[in-house]
Amino acid sequence: MGNGKRLEEKHLGIIVISLVPEAEMTDNKEIEKQIKEESSIPFLAEVEKVTIEEAEDPHKQLRGYGLAKKTARNIVKSYGG
């Protein structure tokens, strides 16, 4: 994509991350900006959207992103939820 044109057919990836405790002391907009500008992930062309949310029910929230029940449960379980 060296010429700046976007592919007609895109592959999108969804990454759900946990933030470090220090993130609580930082404005969400600043966190979103830094993640967007400083992310270094293999195969990443561009970070299109970053949203910071507090998850009261992480399983339900992950399901809302379209993850399967088992996948959402495993993610929450692996992070001590």
PDB file of N, CA and C in Angstrom:
ATOM      1  N   MET A   1       0.830  -1.198   0.000  1.00  0.00           N
ATOM      2  CA  MET A   1       0.000   0.000   0.000  1.00  0.00           C
ATOM      3  C   MET A   1       0.866   1.250   0.000  1.00  0.00           C
ATOM      4  N   GLY A   2       2.016   1.194  -0.596  1.00  0.00           N
ATOM      5  CA  GLY A   2       2.932   2.298  -0.585  1.00  0.00           C
ATOM      6  C   GLY A   2       2.416   3.575  -1.216  1.00  0.00           C
ATOM      7  N   ASN A   3       1.424   3.480  -2.103  1.00  0.00           N
ATOM      8  CA  ASN A   3       0.918   4.671  -2.766  1.00  0.00           C
ATOM      9  C   ASN A   3      -0.189   5.367  -1.995  1.00  0.00           C
ATOM     10  N   GLY A   4      -0.516   4.901  -0.821  1.00  0.00           N
ATOM     11  CA  GLY A   4      -1.511   5.551   0.022  1.00  0.00           C
ATOM     12  C   GLY A   4      -2.937   5.116  -0.265  1.00  0.00           C
ATOM     13  N   LYS A   5      -3.161   4.289  -1.284  1.00  0.00           N
ATOM     14  CA  LYS A   5      -4.507   3.826  -1.597  1.00  0.00           C
ATOM     15  C   LYS A   5      -4.884   2.689  -0.662  1.00  0.00           C
ATOM     16  N   ARG A   6      -6.135   2.678  -0.268  1.00  0.00           N
ATOM     17  CA  ARG A   6      -6.629   1.611   0.601  1.00  0.00           C
ATOM     18  C   ARG A   6      -7.099   0.454  -0.261  1.00  0.00           C
ATOM     19  N   LEU A   7      -6.951  -0.731   0.222  1.00  0.00           N
ATOM     20  CA  LEU A   7      -7.439  -1.903  -0.491  1.00  0.00           C
ATOM     21  C   LEU A   7      -8.957  -1.870  -0.535  1.00  0.00           C
ATOM     22  N   GLU A   8      -9.516  -2.305  -1.647  1.00  0.00           N
ATOM     23  CA  GLU A   8     -10.971  -2.375  -1.761  1.00  0.00           C
ATOM     24  C   GLU A   8     -11.530  -3.372  -0.749  1.00  0.00           C
ATOM     25  N   GLU A   9     -10.877  -4.516  -0.636  1.00  0.00           N
ATOM     26  CA  GLU A   9     -11.309  -5.535   0.303  1.00  0.00           C
ATOM     27  C   GLU A   9     -10.303  -5.565   1.448  1.00  0.00           C
ATOM     28  N   LYS A  10     -10.752  -5.248   2.646  1.00  0.00           N
ATOM     29  CA  LYS A  10      -9.842  -5.183   3.784  1.00  0.00           C
ATOM     30  C   LYS A  10     -10.050  -6.363   4.715  1.00  0.00           C
ATOM     31  N   HIS A  11      -8.976  -6.728   5.353  1.00  0.00           N
ATOM     32  CA  HIS A  11      -9.042  -7.660   6.463  1.00  0.00           C
ATOM     33  C   HIS A  11      -8.979  -6.801   7.716  1.00  0.00           C
ATOM     34  N   LEU A  12      -9.919  -6.979   8.603  1.00  0.00           N
ATOM     35  CA  LEU A  12      -9.917  -6.231   9.857  1.00  0.00           C
ATOM     36  C   LEU A  12      -9.639  -7.185  11.004  1.00  0.00           C
ATOM     37  N   GLY A  13      -8.914  -6.707  11.983  1.00  0.00           N
ATOM     38  CA  GLY A  13      -8.659  -7.473  13.185  1.00  0.00           C
ATOM     39  C   GLY A  13      -9.164  -6.700  14.388  1.00  0.00           C
ATOM     40  N   ILE A  14      -9.689  -7.402  15.350  1.00  0.00           N
ATOM     41  CA  ILE A  14     -10.145  -6.773  16.590  1.00  0.00           C
ATOM     42  C   ILE A  14      -9.226  -7.259  17.700  1.00  0.00           C
ATOM     43  N   ILE A  15      -8.652  -6.320  18.435  1.00  0.00           N
ATOM     44  CA  ILE A  15      -7.763  -6.656  19.537  1.00  0.00           C
ATOM     45  C   ILE A  15      -8.350  -6.040  20.808  1.00  0.00           C
ATOM     46  N   VAL A  16      -8.577  -6.856  21.811  1.00  0.00           N
ATOM     47  CA  VAL A  16      -9.065  -6.381  23.097  1.00  0.00           C
ATOM     48  C   VAL A  16      -7.885  -6.450  24.048  1.00  0.00           C
ATOM     49  N   ILE A  17      -7.566  -5.331  24.694  1.00  0.00           N
ATOM     50  CA  ILE A  17      -6.398  -5.280  25.567  1.00  0.00           C
ATOM     51  C   ILE A  17      -6.792  -4.853  26.977  1.00  0.00           C
ATOM     52  N   SER A  18      -5.974  -5.211  27.917  1.00  0.00           N
ATOM     53  CA  SER A  18      -6.106  -4.713  29.280  1.00  0.00           C
ATOM     54  C   SER A  18      -5.075  -3.606  29.440  1.00  0.00           C
ATOM     55  N   LEU A  19      -5.466  -2.548  30.092  1.00  0.00           N
ATOM     56  CA  LEU A  19      -4.558  -1.422  30.306  1.00  0.00           C
ATOM     57  C   LEU A  19      -3.842  -1.566  31.641  1.00  0.00           C
ATOM     58  N   VAL A  20      -2.661  -0.988  31.724  1.00  0.00           N
ATOM     59  CA  VAL A  20      -1.895  -0.999  32.971  1.00  0.00           C
ATOM     60  C   VAL A  20      -2.601  -0.127  34.004  1.00  0.00           C
ATOM     61  N   PRO A  21      -2.374  -0.382  35.291  1.00  0.00           N
ATOM     62  CA  PRO A  21      -3.035   0.406  36.338  1.00  0.00           C
ATOM     63  C   PRO A  21      -2.811   1.918  36.194  1.00  0.00           C
ATOM     64  N   GLU A  22      -1.644   2.318  35.686  1.00  0.00           N
ATOM     65  CA  GLU A  22      -1.351   3.751  35.531  1.00  0.00           C
ATOM     66  C   GLU A  22      -2.312   4.445  34.566  1.00  0.00           C
ATOM     67  N   ALA A  23      -3.001   3.674  33.733  1.00  0.00           N
ATOM     68  CA  ALA A  23      -3.944   4.252  32.772  1.00  0.00           C
ATOM     69  C   ALA A  23      -5.109   4.952  33.469  1.00  0.00           C
ATOM     70  N   GLU A  24      -5.398   4.543  34.700  1.00  0.00           N
ATOM     71  CA  GLU A  24      -6.493   5.171  35.448  1.00  0.00           C
ATOM     72  C   GLU A  24      -6.208   6.642  35.725  1.00  0.00           C
ATOM     73  N   MET A  25      -4.928   7.014  35.717  1.00  0.00           N
ATOM     74  CA  MET A  25      -4.545   8.400  36.012  1.00  0.00           C
ATOM     75  C   MET A  25      -4.383   9.236  34.737  1.00  0.00           C
ATOM     76  N   THR A  26      -4.712   8.644  33.577  1.00  0.00           N
ATOM     77  CA  THR A  26      -4.524   9.324  32.299  1.00  0.00           C
ATOM     78  C   THR A  26      -5.859   9.478  31.600  1.00  0.00           C
ATOM     79  N   ASP A  27      -6.053  10.600  30.937  1.00  0.00           N
ATOM     80  CA  ASP A  27      -7.280  10.869  30.191  1.00  0.00           C
ATOM     81  C   ASP A  27      -7.454   9.845  29.066  1.00  0.00           C
ATOM     82  N   ASN A  28      -8.673   9.339  28.890  1.00  0.00           N
ATOM     83  CA  ASN A  28      -8.943   8.333  27.862  1.00  0.00           C
ATOM     84  C   ASN A  28      -8.541   8.787  26.466  1.00  0.00           C
ATOM     85  N   LYS A  29      -8.780  10.056  26.144  1.00  0.00           N
ATOM     86  CA  LYS A  29      -8.418  10.580  24.813  1.00  0.00           C
ATOM     87  C   LYS A  29      -6.906  10.509  24.597  1.00  0.00           C
ATOM     88  N   GLU A  30      -6.129  10.765  25.645  1.00  0.00           N
ATOM     89  CA  GLU A  30      -4.673  10.686  25.549  1.00  0.00           C
ATOM     90  C   GLU A  30      -4.232   9.231  25.339  1.00  0.00           C
ATOM     91  N   ILE A  31      -4.870   8.309  26.046  1.00  0.00           N
ATOM     92  CA  ILE A  31      -4.551   6.890  25.874  1.00  0.00           C
ATOM     93  C   ILE A  31      -4.869   6.462  24.446  1.00  0.00           C
ATOM     94  N   GLU A  32      -6.048   6.833  23.953  1.00  0.00           N
ATOM     95  CA  GLU A  32      -6.449   6.480  22.589  1.00  0.00           C
ATOM     96  C   GLU A  32      -5.453   7.031  21.577  1.00  0.00           C
ATOM     97  N   LYS A  33      -5.040   8.285  21.763  1.00  0.00           N
ATOM     98  CA  LYS A  33      -4.089   8.933  20.858  1.00  0.00           C
ATOM     99  C   LYS A  33      -2.747   8.193  20.847  1.00  0.00           C
ATOM    100  N   GLN A  34      -2.247   7.870  22.029  1.00  0.00           N
ATOM    101  CA  GLN A  34      -0.948   7.193  22.120  1.00  0.00           C
ATOM    102  C   GLN A  34      -1.002   5.791  21.513  1.00  0.00           C
ATOM    103  N   ILE A  35      -2.088   5.067  21.759  1.00  0.00           N
ATOM    104  CA  ILE A  35      -2.213   3.726  21.182  1.00  0.00           C
ATOM    105  C   ILE A  35      -2.248   3.825  19.663  1.00  0.00           C
ATOM    106  N   LYS A  36      -3.009   4.777  19.163  1.00  0.00           N
ATOM    107  CA  LYS A  36      -3.136   4.946  17.713  1.00  0.00           C
ATOM    108  C   LYS A  36      -1.797   5.314  17.075  1.00  0.00           C
ATOM    109  N   GLU A  37      -1.052   6.206  17.701  1.00  0.00           N
ATOM    110  CA  GLU A  37       0.196   6.711  17.128  1.00  0.00           C
ATOM    111  C   GLU A  37       1.388   5.784  17.354  1.00  0.00           C
ATOM    112  N   GLU A  38       1.385   5.023  18.443  1.00  0.00           N
ATOM    113  CA  GLU A  38       2.592   4.293  18.825  1.00  0.00           C
ATOM    114  C   GLU A  38       2.483   2.774  18.716  1.00  0.00           C
ATOM    115  N   SER A  39       1.350   2.258  18.241  1.00  0.00           N
ATOM    116  CA  SER A  39       1.196   0.804  18.146  1.00  0.00           C
ATOM    117  C   SER A  39       2.136   0.216  17.107  1.00  0.00           C
ATOM    118  N   SER A  40       2.752  -0.873  17.473  1.00  0.00           N
ATOM    119  CA  SER A  40       3.635  -1.608  16.571  1.00  0.00           C
ATOM    120  C   SER A  40       3.225  -3.073  16.632  1.00  0.00           C
ATOM    121  N   ILE A  41       2.416  -3.486  15.661  1.00  0.00           N
ATOM    122  CA  ILE A  41       1.863  -4.824  15.636  1.00  0.00           C
ATOM    123  C   ILE A  41       2.147  -5.426  14.254  1.00  0.00           C
ATOM    124  N   PRO A  42       2.644  -6.656  14.193  1.00  0.00           N
ATOM    125  CA  PRO A  42       2.889  -7.276  12.884  1.00  0.00           C
ATOM    126  C   PRO A  42       1.633  -7.251  12.009  1.00  0.00           C
ATOM    127  N   PHE A  43       1.795  -6.971  10.742  1.00  0.00           N
ATOM    128  CA  PHE A  43       0.739  -6.924   9.729  1.00  0.00           C
ATOM    129  C   PHE A  43      -0.199  -5.735   9.886  1.00  0.00           C
ATOM    130  N   LEU A  44       0.095  -4.818  10.769  1.00  0.00           N
ATOM    131  CA  LEU A  44      -0.757  -3.644  10.979  1.00  0.00           C
ATOM    132  C   LEU A  44      -0.492  -2.602   9.907  1.00  0.00           C
ATOM    133  N   ALA A  45      -1.532  -2.239   9.159  1.00  0.00           N
ATOM    134  CA  ALA A  45      -1.427  -1.162   8.174  1.00  0.00           C
ATOM    135  C   ALA A  45      -1.735   0.162   8.857  1.00  0.00           C
ATOM    136  N   GLU A  46      -2.801   0.189   9.643  1.00  0.00           N
ATOM    137  CA  GLU A  46      -3.175   1.405  10.360  1.00  0.00           C
ATOM    138  C   GLU A  46      -4.146   1.059  11.476  1.00  0.00           C
ATOM    139  N   VAL A  47      -4.082   1.797  12.565  1.00  0.00           N
ATOM    140  CA  VAL A  47      -5.057   1.663  13.644  1.00  0.00           C
ATOM    141  C   VAL A  47      -6.202   2.592  13.272  1.00  0.00           C
ATOM    142  N   GLU A  48      -7.348   2.023  12.971  1.00  0.00           N
ATOM    143  CA  GLU A  48      -8.482   2.822  12.507  1.00  0.00           C
ATOM    144  C   GLU A  48      -9.314   3.381  13.645  1.00  0.00           C
ATOM    145  N   LYS A  49      -9.429   2.628  14.729  1.00  0.00           N
ATOM    146  CA  LYS A  49     -10.301   3.069  15.816  1.00  0.00           C
ATOM    147  C   LYS A  49      -9.776   2.536  17.136  1.00  0.00           C
ATOM    148  N   VAL A  50      -9.757   3.376  18.144  1.00  0.00           N
ATOM    149  CA  VAL A  50      -9.387   2.976  19.499  1.00  0.00           C
ATOM    150  C   VAL A  50     -10.480   3.503  20.422  1.00  0.00           C
ATOM    151  N   THR A  51     -11.018   2.634  21.251  1.00  0.00           N
ATOM    152  CA  THR A  51     -12.053   3.036  22.197  1.00  0.00           C
ATOM    153  C   THR A  51     -11.676   2.506  23.573  1.00  0.00           C
ATOM    154  N   ILE A  52     -11.669   3.385  24.552  1.00  0.00           N
ATOM    155  CA  ILE A  52     -11.393   2.985  25.937  1.00  0.00           C
ATOM    156  C   ILE A  52     -12.731   2.897  26.657  1.00  0.00           C
ATOM    157  N   GLU A  53     -13.005   1.730  27.241  1.00  0.00           N
ATOM    158  CA  GLU A  53     -14.255   1.525  27.963  1.00  0.00           C
ATOM    159  C   GLU A  53     -13.982   0.830  29.283  1.00  0.00           C
ATOM    160  N   GLU A  54     -14.756   1.157  30.280  1.00  0.00           N
ATOM    161  CA  GLU A  54     -14.680   0.426  31.535  1.00  0.00           C
ATOM    162  C   GLU A  54     -15.647  -0.744  31.424  1.00  0.00           C
ATOM    163  N   ALA A  55     -15.175  -1.918  31.737  1.00  0.00           N
ATOM    164  CA  ALA A  55     -15.986  -3.123  31.569  1.00  0.00           C
ATOM    165  C   ALA A  55     -16.500  -3.619  32.914  1.00  0.00           C
ATOM    166  N   GLU A  56     -17.799  -3.408  33.173  1.00  0.00           N
ATOM    167  CA  GLU A  56     -18.394  -3.935  34.393  1.00  0.00           C
ATOM    168  C   GLU A  56     -18.679  -5.424  34.239  1.00  0.00           C
ATOM    169  N   ASP A  57     -19.076  -5.825  33.036  1.00  0.00           N
ATOM    170  CA  ASP A  57     -19.332  -7.233  32.733  1.00  0.00           C
ATOM    171  C   ASP A  57     -18.535  -7.579  31.482  1.00  0.00           C
ATOM    172  N   PRO A  58     -17.251  -7.918  31.651  1.00  0.00           N
ATOM    173  CA  PRO A  58     -16.378  -8.147  30.498  1.00  0.00           C
ATOM    174  C   PRO A  58     -16.899  -9.217  29.541  1.00  0.00           C
ATOM    175  N   HIS A  59     -17.484 -10.298  30.070  1.00  0.00           N
ATOM    176  CA  HIS A  59     -18.000 -11.361  29.210  1.00  0.00           C
ATOM    177  C   HIS A  59     -19.086 -10.817  28.285  1.00  0.00           C
ATOM    178  N   LYS A  60     -20.021 -10.084  28.851  1.00  0.00           N
ATOM    179  CA  LYS A  60     -21.126  -9.521  28.064  1.00  0.00           C
ATOM    180  C   LYS A  60     -20.596  -8.520  27.033  1.00  0.00           C
ATOM    181  N   GLN A  61     -19.625  -7.733  27.432  1.00  0.00           N
ATOM    182  CA  GLN A  61     -19.052  -6.736  26.531  1.00  0.00           C
ATOM    183  C   GLN A  61     -18.336  -7.409  25.356  1.00  0.00           C
ATOM    184  N   LEU A  62     -17.576  -8.451  25.631  1.00  0.00           N
ATOM    185  CA  LEU A  62     -16.892  -9.170  24.553  1.00  0.00           C
ATOM    186  C   LEU A  62     -17.898  -9.817  23.612  1.00  0.00           C
ATOM    187  N   ARG A  63     -18.971 -10.349  24.151  1.00  0.00           N
ATOM    188  CA  ARG A  63     -20.035 -10.929  23.312  1.00  0.00           C
ATOM    189  C   ARG A  63     -20.623  -9.853  22.409  1.00  0.00           C
ATOM    190  N   GLY A  64     -20.723  -8.630  22.929  1.00  0.00           N
ATOM    191  CA  GLY A  64     -21.236  -7.512  22.140  1.00  0.00           C
ATOM    192  C   GLY A  64     -20.346  -7.161  20.959  1.00  0.00           C
ATOM    193  N   TYR A  65     -19.074  -7.525  21.038  1.00  0.00           N
ATOM    194  CA  TYR A  65     -18.145  -7.306  19.932  1.00  0.00           C
ATOM    195  C   TYR A  65     -18.220  -8.435  18.908  1.00  0.00           C
ATOM    196  N   GLY A  66     -19.076  -9.415  19.166  1.00  0.00           N
ATOM    197  CA  GLY A  66     -19.247 -10.502  18.218  1.00  0.00           C
ATOM    198  C   GLY A  66     -18.449 -11.750  18.524  1.00  0.00           C
ATOM    199  N   LEU A  67     -17.809 -11.802  19.677  1.00  0.00           N
ATOM    200  CA  LEU A  67     -17.043 -12.990  20.033  1.00  0.00           C
ATOM    201  C   LEU A  67     -17.990 -14.105  20.468  1.00  0.00           C
ATOM    202  N   ALA A  68     -17.615 -15.319  20.161  1.00  0.00           N
ATOM    203  CA  ALA A  68     -18.400 -16.483  20.569  1.00  0.00           C
ATOM    204  C   ALA A  68     -18.386 -16.604  22.090  1.00  0.00           C
ATOM    205  N   LYS A  69     -19.420 -17.240  22.645  1.00  0.00           N
ATOM    206  CA  LYS A  69     -19.531 -17.400  24.096  1.00  0.00           C
ATOM    207  C   LYS A  69     -18.267 -18.007  24.698  1.00  0.00           C
ATOM    208  N   LYS A  70     -17.817 -19.114  24.091  1.00  0.00           N
ATOM    209  CA  LYS A  70     -16.653 -19.824  24.627  1.00  0.00           C
ATOM    210  C   LYS A  70     -15.401 -18.960  24.553  1.00  0.00           C
ATOM    211  N   THR A  71     -15.220 -18.256  23.463  1.00  0.00           N
ATOM    212  CA  THR A  71     -14.054 -17.385  23.300  1.00  0.00           C
ATOM    213  C   THR A  71     -14.077 -16.272  24.340  1.00  0.00           C
ATOM    214  N   ALA A  72     -15.228 -15.621  24.497  1.00  0.00           N
ATOM    215  CA  ALA A  72     -15.360 -14.544  25.483  1.00  0.00           C
ATOM    216  C   ALA A  72     -15.086 -15.074  26.887  1.00  0.00           C
ATOM    217  N   ARG A  73     -15.638 -16.248  27.205  1.00  0.00           N
ATOM    218  CA  ARG A  73     -15.432 -16.851  28.529  1.00  0.00           C
ATOM    219  C   ARG A  73     -13.959 -17.142  28.770  1.00  0.00           C
ATOM    220  N   ASN A  74     -13.278 -17.684  27.757  1.00  0.00           N
ATOM    221  CA  ASN A  74     -11.850 -18.002  27.902  1.00  0.00           C
ATOM    222  C   ASN A  74     -11.006 -16.758  28.094  1.00  0.00           C
ATOM    223  N   ILE A  75     -11.331 -15.681  27.400  1.00  0.00           N
ATOM    224  CA  ILE A  75     -10.584 -14.435  27.546  1.00  0.00           C
ATOM    225  C   ILE A  75     -10.760 -13.897  28.958  1.00  0.00           C
ATOM    226  N   VAL A  76     -11.994 -13.828  29.427  1.00  0.00           N
ATOM    227  CA  VAL A  76     -12.271 -13.316  30.771  1.00  0.00           C
ATOM    228  C   VAL A  76     -11.604 -14.196  31.814  1.00  0.00           C
ATOM    229  N   LYS A  77     -11.686 -15.507  31.640  1.00  0.00           N
ATOM    230  CA  LYS A  77     -11.084 -16.453  32.587  1.00  0.00           C
ATOM    231  C   LYS A  77      -9.563 -16.282  32.647  1.00  0.00           C
ATOM    232  N   SER A  78      -8.939 -16.093  31.480  1.00  0.00           N
ATOM    233  CA  SER A  78      -7.485 -15.988  31.450  1.00  0.00           C
ATOM    234  C   SER A  78      -6.978 -14.706  32.091  1.00  0.00           C
ATOM    235  N   TYR A  79      -7.847 -13.686  32.216  1.00  0.00           N
ATOM    236  CA  TYR A  79      -7.453 -12.439  32.861  1.00  0.00           C
ATOM    237  C   TYR A  79      -8.029 -12.298  34.250  1.00  0.00           C
ATOM    238  N   GLY A  80      -8.461 -13.403  34.820  1.00  0.00           N
ATOM    239  CA  GLY A  80      -8.891 -13.410  36.219  1.00  0.00           C
ATOM    240  C   GLY A  80     -10.254 -12.816  36.461  1.00  0.00           C
ATOM    241  N   GLY A  81     -11.088 -12.738  35.442  1.00  0.00           N
ATOM    242  CA  GLY A  81     -12.428 -12.154  35.569  1.00  0.00           C
ATOM    243  C   GLY A  81     -13.460 -13.102  36.066  1.00  0.00           C
TER     244      GLY A  81
END
